[in-house]
Amino acid sequence: MKTLEHLFNNNTKWADSITQKDPQFFQRLSNLQEPEILWIGCSDSRVPANEIIDLAPGEVFVHRNIANVVVHSDLNCLSVIQYAVEVLKVKHIIVCGHYGCGGIQASLEDKYHGLIDNWLGHIKDVARLNQQELDKLEGKEKFHRLCELNVVEQVHNVRNTTVVQKAWKKGDELYLHGWIYNLENGILKDIIESPVTA
């Protein structure tokens, strides 16, 4: 049986390095969680939220799924949004997609993928809603544009959740952002010109 002992070793080294820099770090972190950001991103292992925006543990509350989808029937995602907004009082919700997303690519393919096809249906809906624009594009350009359009649609879905609508009606400070990450150079791009507010 193959063990993952090296991961425990990595963890010990990481914890030691943090403690050397800041001896009280883990004590403070264990007693308080006050992130200002909820990150809704893709499960892709190449897009680690905290690392690409260079923030420490405790500074970003994270929800990830295939292709950073937000749908009104996903109680997991909706529960994360509710906890982030109502309990943690985050001020920013970032939906971050990425170019080269396997979920987006699979949604463009005309073949059977198994159970995930049910989930990919949400992305196919985004493609259908933007078919006129996408039909003018080909190959990588079409693929990248669907990655962007998917982010825009998911921000729209976050905006329409009862949790966000309730927060805005109460006058809470809450901004929605749509970003895309480029795997080829590590750079983020804001694809919605200004944060979405009430």
C-alpha atoms as a PDB file:
ATOM      1  CA  MET A   1       0.000   0.000   0.000  1.00  0.00           C
ATOM      2  CA  LYS A   2       1.398   3.357  -1.039  1.00  0.00           C
ATOM      3  CA  THR A   3       1.404   5.927   1.745  1.00  0.00           C
ATOM      4  CA  LEU A   4       1.507   9.697   1.489  1.00  0.00           C
ATOM      5  CA  GLU A   5       4.104  10.174   4.201  1.00  0.00           C
ATOM      6  CA  HIS A   6       5.863  12.833   2.131  1.00  0.00           C
ATOM      7  CA  LEU A   7       2.768  15.029   2.457  1.00  0.00           C
ATOM      8  CA  PHE A   8       2.954  14.862   6.254  1.00  0.00           C
ATOM      9  CA  ASN A   9       6.630  15.776   6.002  1.00  0.00           C
ATOM     10  CA  ASN A  10       5.766  18.702   3.713  1.00  0.00           C
ATOM     11  CA  ASN A  11       3.108  19.814   6.172  1.00  0.00           C
ATOM     12  CA  THR A  12       5.545  19.769   9.098  1.00  0.00           C
ATOM     13  CA  LYS A  13       8.081  21.824   7.142  1.00  0.00           C
ATOM     14  CA  TRP A  14       5.398  24.307   6.097  1.00  0.00           C
ATOM     15  CA  ALA A  15       4.035  24.722   9.641  1.00  0.00           C
ATOM     16  CA  ASP A  16       7.577  25.127  11.008  1.00  0.00           C
ATOM     17  CA  SER A  17       8.425  27.799   8.443  1.00  0.00           C
ATOM     18  CA  ILE A  18       5.259  29.760   9.272  1.00  0.00           C
ATOM     19  CA  THR A  19       5.909  29.491  13.012  1.00  0.00           C
ATOM     20  CA  GLN A  20       9.508  30.685  12.585  1.00  0.00           C
ATOM     21  CA  LYS A  21       8.274  33.824  10.802  1.00  0.00           C
ATOM     22  CA  ASP A  22       5.326  34.418  13.151  1.00  0.00           C
ATOM     23  CA  PRO A  23       5.213  32.312  16.355  1.00  0.00           C
ATOM     24  CA  GLN A  24       1.584  33.297  17.118  1.00  0.00           C
ATOM     25  CA  PHE A  25       0.224  32.770  13.587  1.00  0.00           C
ATOM     26  CA  PHE A  26      -1.625  29.486  14.147  1.00  0.00           C
ATOM     27  CA  GLN A  27      -2.943  30.565  17.547  1.00  0.00           C
ATOM     28  CA  ARG A  28      -4.478  33.702  15.997  1.00  0.00           C
ATOM     29  CA  LEU A  29      -5.771  31.750  13.002  1.00  0.00           C
ATOM     30  CA  SER A  30      -7.437  29.107  15.168  1.00  0.00           C
ATOM     31  CA  ASN A  31      -9.387  31.724  17.126  1.00  0.00           C
ATOM     32  CA  LEU A  32     -10.626  33.908  14.309  1.00  0.00           C
ATOM     33  CA  GLN A  33     -11.913  33.667  10.750  1.00  0.00           C
ATOM     34  CA  GLU A  34     -12.621  37.056   9.191  1.00  0.00           C
ATOM     35  CA  PRO A  35     -11.965  36.879   5.448  1.00  0.00           C
ATOM     36  CA  GLU A  36     -13.280  39.727   3.332  1.00  0.00           C
ATOM     37  CA  ILE A  37     -13.331  37.568   0.198  1.00  0.00           C
ATOM     38  CA  LEU A  38     -15.365  34.578  -0.954  1.00  0.00           C
ATOM     39  CA  TRP A  39     -13.658  32.908  -3.918  1.00  0.00           C
ATOM     40  CA  ILE A  40     -15.808  30.707  -6.152  1.00  0.00           C
ATOM     41  CA  GLY A  41     -13.398  28.922  -8.456  1.00  0.00           C
ATOM     42  CA  CYS A  42     -12.729  25.827 -10.463  1.00  0.00           C
ATOM     43  CA  SER A  43     -11.571  22.592  -8.837  1.00  0.00           C
ATOM     44  CA  ASP A  44      -8.600  22.509 -11.223  1.00  0.00           C
ATOM     45  CA  SER A  45      -5.451  21.823  -9.189  1.00  0.00           C
ATOM     46  CA  ARG A  46      -3.544  24.445 -11.183  1.00  0.00           C
ATOM     47  CA  VAL A  47      -5.685  27.304  -9.839  1.00  0.00           C
ATOM     48  CA  PRO A  48      -5.088  27.551  -6.054  1.00  0.00           C
ATOM     49  CA  ALA A  49      -7.023  30.601  -4.838  1.00  0.00           C
ATOM     50  CA  ASN A  50      -4.806  31.807  -1.982  1.00  0.00           C
ATOM     51  CA  GLU A  51      -1.580  31.330  -3.903  1.00  0.00           C
ATOM     52  CA  ILE A  52      -2.475  33.172  -7.097  1.00  0.00           C
ATOM     53  CA  ILE A  53      -3.624  36.247  -5.158  1.00  0.00           C
ATOM     54  CA  ASP A  54      -0.817  35.853  -2.610  1.00  0.00           C
ATOM     55  CA  LEU A  55      -2.980  35.843   0.514  1.00  0.00           C
ATOM     56  CA  ALA A  56      -2.375  33.842   3.673  1.00  0.00           C
ATOM     57  CA  PRO A  57      -4.622  31.153   5.168  1.00  0.00           C
ATOM     58  CA  GLY A  58      -7.640  32.776   6.777  1.00  0.00           C
ATOM     59  CA  GLU A  59      -7.893  35.610   4.266  1.00  0.00           C
ATOM     60  CA  VAL A  60     -10.008  33.874   1.599  1.00  0.00           C
ATOM     61  CA  PHE A  61     -13.093  31.687   2.059  1.00  0.00           C
ATOM     62  CA  VAL A  62     -13.118  29.246  -0.878  1.00  0.00           C
ATOM     63  CA  HIS A  63     -15.680  27.193  -2.768  1.00  0.00           C
ATOM     64  CA  ARG A  64     -14.554  25.174  -5.781  1.00  0.00           C
ATOM     65  CA  ASN A  65     -16.313  22.949  -8.295  1.00  0.00           C
ATOM     66  CA  ILE A  66     -15.922  21.867 -11.907  1.00  0.00           C
ATOM     67  CA  ALA A  67     -15.883  25.036 -14.069  1.00  0.00           C
ATOM     68  CA  ASN A  68     -16.780  27.425 -11.192  1.00  0.00           C
ATOM     69  CA  VAL A  69     -20.517  26.979 -11.709  1.00  0.00           C
ATOM     70  CA  VAL A  70     -23.159  28.607  -9.491  1.00  0.00           C
ATOM     71  CA  VAL A  71     -26.647  27.170  -9.930  1.00  0.00           C
ATOM     72  CA  HIS A  72     -29.748  27.642  -7.836  1.00  0.00           C
ATOM     73  CA  SER A  73     -30.119  23.910  -7.195  1.00  0.00           C
ATOM     74  CA  ASP A  74     -26.607  23.432  -5.762  1.00  0.00           C
ATOM     75  CA  LEU A  75     -27.204  23.535  -2.017  1.00  0.00           C
ATOM     76  CA  ASN A  76     -23.493  23.125  -1.327  1.00  0.00           C
ATOM     77  CA  CYS A  77     -22.553  26.309  -3.196  1.00  0.00           C
ATOM     78  CA  LEU A  78     -25.565  28.226  -1.903  1.00  0.00           C
ATOM     79  CA  SER A  79     -24.731  27.222   1.681  1.00  0.00           C
ATOM     80  CA  VAL A  80     -21.163  28.473   1.219  1.00  0.00           C
ATOM     81  CA  ILE A  81     -22.475  31.800  -0.131  1.00  0.00           C
ATOM     82  CA  GLN A  82     -24.925  32.122   2.762  1.00  0.00           C
ATOM     83  CA  TYR A  83     -22.267  31.384   5.385  1.00  0.00           C
ATOM     84  CA  ALA A  84     -19.805  33.771   3.745  1.00  0.00           C
ATOM     85  CA  VAL A  85     -22.299  36.627   3.471  1.00  0.00           C
ATOM     86  CA  GLU A  86     -24.380  36.225   6.615  1.00  0.00           C
ATOM     87  CA  VAL A  87     -21.857  34.853   9.112  1.00  0.00           C
ATOM     88  CA  LEU A  88     -18.407  35.851   7.872  1.00  0.00           C
ATOM     89  CA  LYS A  89     -19.689  39.162   6.430  1.00  0.00           C
ATOM     90  CA  VAL A  90     -17.454  39.027   3.356  1.00  0.00           C
ATOM     91  CA  LYS A  91     -17.388  42.201   1.291  1.00  0.00           C
ATOM     92  CA  HIS A  92     -16.318  40.668  -2.018  1.00  0.00           C
ATOM     93  CA  ILE A  93     -17.446  37.573  -3.915  1.00  0.00           C
ATOM     94  CA  ILE A  94     -15.095  36.667  -6.751  1.00  0.00           C
ATOM     95  CA  VAL A  95     -16.110  34.147  -9.394  1.00  0.00           C
ATOM     96  CA  CYS A  96     -12.839  33.103 -11.025  1.00  0.00           C
ATOM     97  CA  GLY A  97     -12.656  30.905 -14.082  1.00  0.00           C
ATOM     98  CA  HIS A  98      -9.576  30.025 -16.080  1.00  0.00           C
ATOM     99  CA  TYR A  99      -8.502  29.522 -19.645  1.00  0.00           C
ATOM    100  CA  GLY A 100      -7.857  25.881 -20.445  1.00  0.00           C
ATOM    101  CA  CYS A 101     -10.703  24.682 -18.208  1.00  0.00           C
ATOM    102  CA  GLY A 102     -11.381  20.979 -18.753  1.00  0.00           C
ATOM    103  CA  GLY A 103     -15.052  21.377 -17.858  1.00  0.00           C
ATOM    104  CA  ILE A 104     -15.534  24.074 -20.467  1.00  0.00           C
ATOM    105  CA  GLN A 105     -13.637  21.997 -23.042  1.00  0.00           C
ATOM    106  CA  ALA A 106     -15.759  18.925 -22.303  1.00  0.00           C
ATOM    107  CA  SER A 107     -18.947  20.973 -22.704  1.00  0.00           C
ATOM    108  CA  LEU A 108     -17.858  21.839 -26.254  1.00  0.00           C
ATOM    109  CA  GLU A 109     -17.334  18.197 -27.198  1.00  0.00           C
ATOM    110  CA  ASP A 110     -20.072  16.151 -28.779  1.00  0.00           C
ATOM    111  CA  LYS A 111     -19.465  12.969 -26.812  1.00  0.00           C
ATOM    112  CA  TYR A 112     -20.505  11.149 -23.656  1.00  0.00           C
ATOM    113  CA  HIS A 113     -18.483  11.910 -20.505  1.00  0.00           C
ATOM    114  CA  GLY A 114     -20.612  10.135 -17.919  1.00  0.00           C
ATOM    115  CA  LEU A 115     -22.201  11.609 -14.808  1.00  0.00           C
ATOM    116  CA  ILE A 116     -20.476  14.949 -15.315  1.00  0.00           C
ATOM    117  CA  ASP A 117     -22.577  15.563 -18.439  1.00  0.00           C
ATOM    118  CA  ASN A 118     -25.393  16.592 -16.083  1.00  0.00           C
ATOM    119  CA  TRP A 119     -23.161  19.288 -14.600  1.00  0.00           C
ATOM    120  CA  LEU A 120     -21.787  20.330 -17.991  1.00  0.00           C
ATOM    121  CA  GLY A 121     -25.359  21.043 -19.077  1.00  0.00           C
ATOM    122  CA  HIS A 122     -25.098  24.340 -17.182  1.00  0.00           C
ATOM    123  CA  ILE A 123     -22.144  25.370 -19.332  1.00  0.00           C
ATOM    124  CA  LYS A 124     -23.901  24.201 -22.484  1.00  0.00           C
ATOM    125  CA  ASP A 125     -26.725  26.558 -21.489  1.00  0.00           C
ATOM    126  CA  VAL A 126     -24.208  29.419 -21.346  1.00  0.00           C
ATOM    127  CA  ALA A 127     -23.010  28.464 -24.840  1.00  0.00           C
ATOM    128  CA  ARG A 128     -26.592  28.324 -26.104  1.00  0.00           C
ATOM    129  CA  LEU A 129     -27.382  31.767 -24.642  1.00  0.00           C
ATOM    130  CA  ASN A 130     -24.309  33.178 -26.406  1.00  0.00           C
ATOM    131  CA  GLN A 131     -24.451  31.051 -29.543  1.00  0.00           C
ATOM    132  CA  GLN A 132     -24.534  33.973 -31.960  1.00  0.00           C
ATOM    133  CA  GLU A 133     -21.249  35.362 -30.591  1.00  0.00           C
ATOM    134  CA  LEU A 134     -19.577  31.961 -30.243  1.00  0.00           C
ATOM    135  CA  ASP A 135     -20.522  30.889 -33.781  1.00  0.00           C
ATOM    136  CA  LYS A 136     -18.267  33.668 -35.116  1.00  0.00           C
ATOM    137  CA  LEU A 137     -15.254  32.166 -33.331  1.00  0.00           C
ATOM    138  CA  GLU A 138     -13.234  28.984 -33.799  1.00  0.00           C
ATOM    139  CA  GLY A 139     -10.771  26.808 -31.924  1.00  0.00           C
ATOM    140  CA  LYS A 140      -8.889  28.313 -29.013  1.00  0.00           C
ATOM    141  CA  GLU A 141     -10.552  31.708 -29.407  1.00  0.00           C
ATOM    142  CA  LYS A 142     -14.007  30.132 -29.026  1.00  0.00           C
ATOM    143  CA  PHE A 143     -12.825  28.014 -26.094  1.00  0.00           C
ATOM    144  CA  HIS A 144     -11.365  31.035 -24.270  1.00  0.00           C
ATOM    145  CA  ARG A 145     -14.436  33.154 -24.916  1.00  0.00           C
ATOM    146  CA  LEU A 146     -16.731  30.478 -23.468  1.00  0.00           C
ATOM    147  CA  CYS A 147     -14.500  30.394 -20.361  1.00  0.00           C
ATOM    148  CA  GLU A 148     -15.102  34.153 -20.009  1.00  0.00           C
ATOM    149  CA  LEU A 149     -18.821  34.009 -20.774  1.00  0.00           C
ATOM    150  CA  ASN A 150     -19.231  31.252 -18.199  1.00  0.00           C
ATOM    151  CA  VAL A 151     -17.734  33.526 -15.522  1.00  0.00           C
ATOM    152  CA  VAL A 152     -20.084  36.361 -16.509  1.00  0.00           C
ATOM    153  CA  GLU A 153     -23.093  34.029 -16.277  1.00  0.00           C
ATOM    154  CA  GLN A 154     -22.033  32.663 -12.882  1.00  0.00           C
ATOM    155  CA  VAL A 155     -21.628  36.206 -11.504  1.00  0.00           C
ATOM    156  CA  HIS A 156     -25.167  36.844 -12.744  1.00  0.00           C
ATOM    157  CA  ASN A 157     -26.313  33.697 -10.917  1.00  0.00           C
ATOM    158  CA  VAL A 158     -24.592  34.807  -7.687  1.00  0.00           C
ATOM    159  CA  ARG A 159     -26.272  38.201  -8.047  1.00  0.00           C
ATOM    160  CA  ASN A 160     -29.688  36.554  -8.235  1.00  0.00           C
ATOM    161  CA  THR A 161     -29.309  34.357  -5.150  1.00  0.00           C
ATOM    162  CA  THR A 162     -31.694  35.151  -2.330  1.00  0.00           C
ATOM    163  CA  VAL A 163     -28.712  35.548   0.005  1.00  0.00           C
ATOM    164  CA  VAL A 164     -27.099  38.318  -2.044  1.00  0.00           C
ATOM    165  CA  GLN A 165     -30.417  40.030  -2.745  1.00  0.00           C
ATOM    166  CA  LYS A 166     -31.246  40.009   0.980  1.00  0.00           C
ATOM    167  CA  ALA A 167     -27.813  41.429   1.873  1.00  0.00           C
ATOM    168  CA  TRP A 168     -28.224  44.285  -0.593  1.00  0.00           C
ATOM    169  CA  LYS A 169     -31.747  45.047   0.642  1.00  0.00           C
ATOM    170  CA  LYS A 170     -30.300  45.344   4.159  1.00  0.00           C
ATOM    171  CA  GLY A 171     -27.677  47.750   2.821  1.00  0.00           C
ATOM    172  CA  ASP A 172     -24.700  45.433   3.342  1.00  0.00           C
ATOM    173  CA  GLU A 173     -21.487  46.332   1.547  1.00  0.00           C
ATOM    174  CA  LEU A 174     -21.072  43.480  -0.925  1.00  0.00           C
ATOM    175  CA  TYR A 175     -19.394  43.517  -4.325  1.00  0.00           C
ATOM    176  CA  LEU A 176     -19.352  40.813  -7.000  1.00  0.00           C
ATOM    177  CA  HIS A 177     -16.403  40.320  -9.345  1.00  0.00           C
ATOM    178  CA  GLY A 178     -15.768  38.161 -12.424  1.00  0.00           C
ATOM    179  CA  TRP A 179     -12.160  37.193 -13.077  1.00  0.00           C
ATOM    180  CA  ILE A 180     -10.321  34.841 -15.404  1.00  0.00           C
ATOM    181  CA  TYR A 181      -6.937  33.254 -14.747  1.00  0.00           C
ATOM    182  CA  ASN A 182      -4.419  32.512 -17.462  1.00  0.00           C
ATOM    183  CA  LEU A 183      -2.628  29.221 -16.813  1.00  0.00           C
ATOM    184  CA  GLU A 184       0.049  30.099 -19.363  1.00  0.00           C
ATOM    185  CA  ASN A 185       1.360  33.189 -17.558  1.00  0.00           C
ATOM    186  CA  GLY A 186      -0.224  33.159 -14.078  1.00  0.00           C
ATOM    187  CA  ILE A 187      -2.023  36.476 -14.618  1.00  0.00           C
ATOM    188  CA  LEU A 188      -5.577  37.333 -13.568  1.00  0.00           C
ATOM    189  CA  LYS A 189      -7.879  39.513 -15.664  1.00  0.00           C
ATOM    190  CA  ASP A 190     -11.027  41.295 -14.519  1.00  0.00           C
ATOM    191  CA  ILE A 191     -13.644  40.554 -17.182  1.00  0.00           C
ATOM    192  CA  ILE A 192     -16.446  42.607 -15.672  1.00  0.00           C
ATOM    193  CA  GLU A 193     -15.546  46.296 -15.944  1.00  0.00           C
ATOM    194  CA  SER A 194     -16.633  47.279 -12.437  1.00  0.00           C
ATOM    195  CA  PRO A 195     -17.797  45.295  -9.408  1.00  0.00           C
ATOM    196  CA  VAL A 196     -21.473  44.340  -9.433  1.00  0.00           C
ATOM    197  CA  THR A 197     -23.487  45.945  -6.640  1.00  0.00           C
ATOM    198  CA  ALA A 198     -27.160  46.362  -5.788  1.00  0.00           C
END
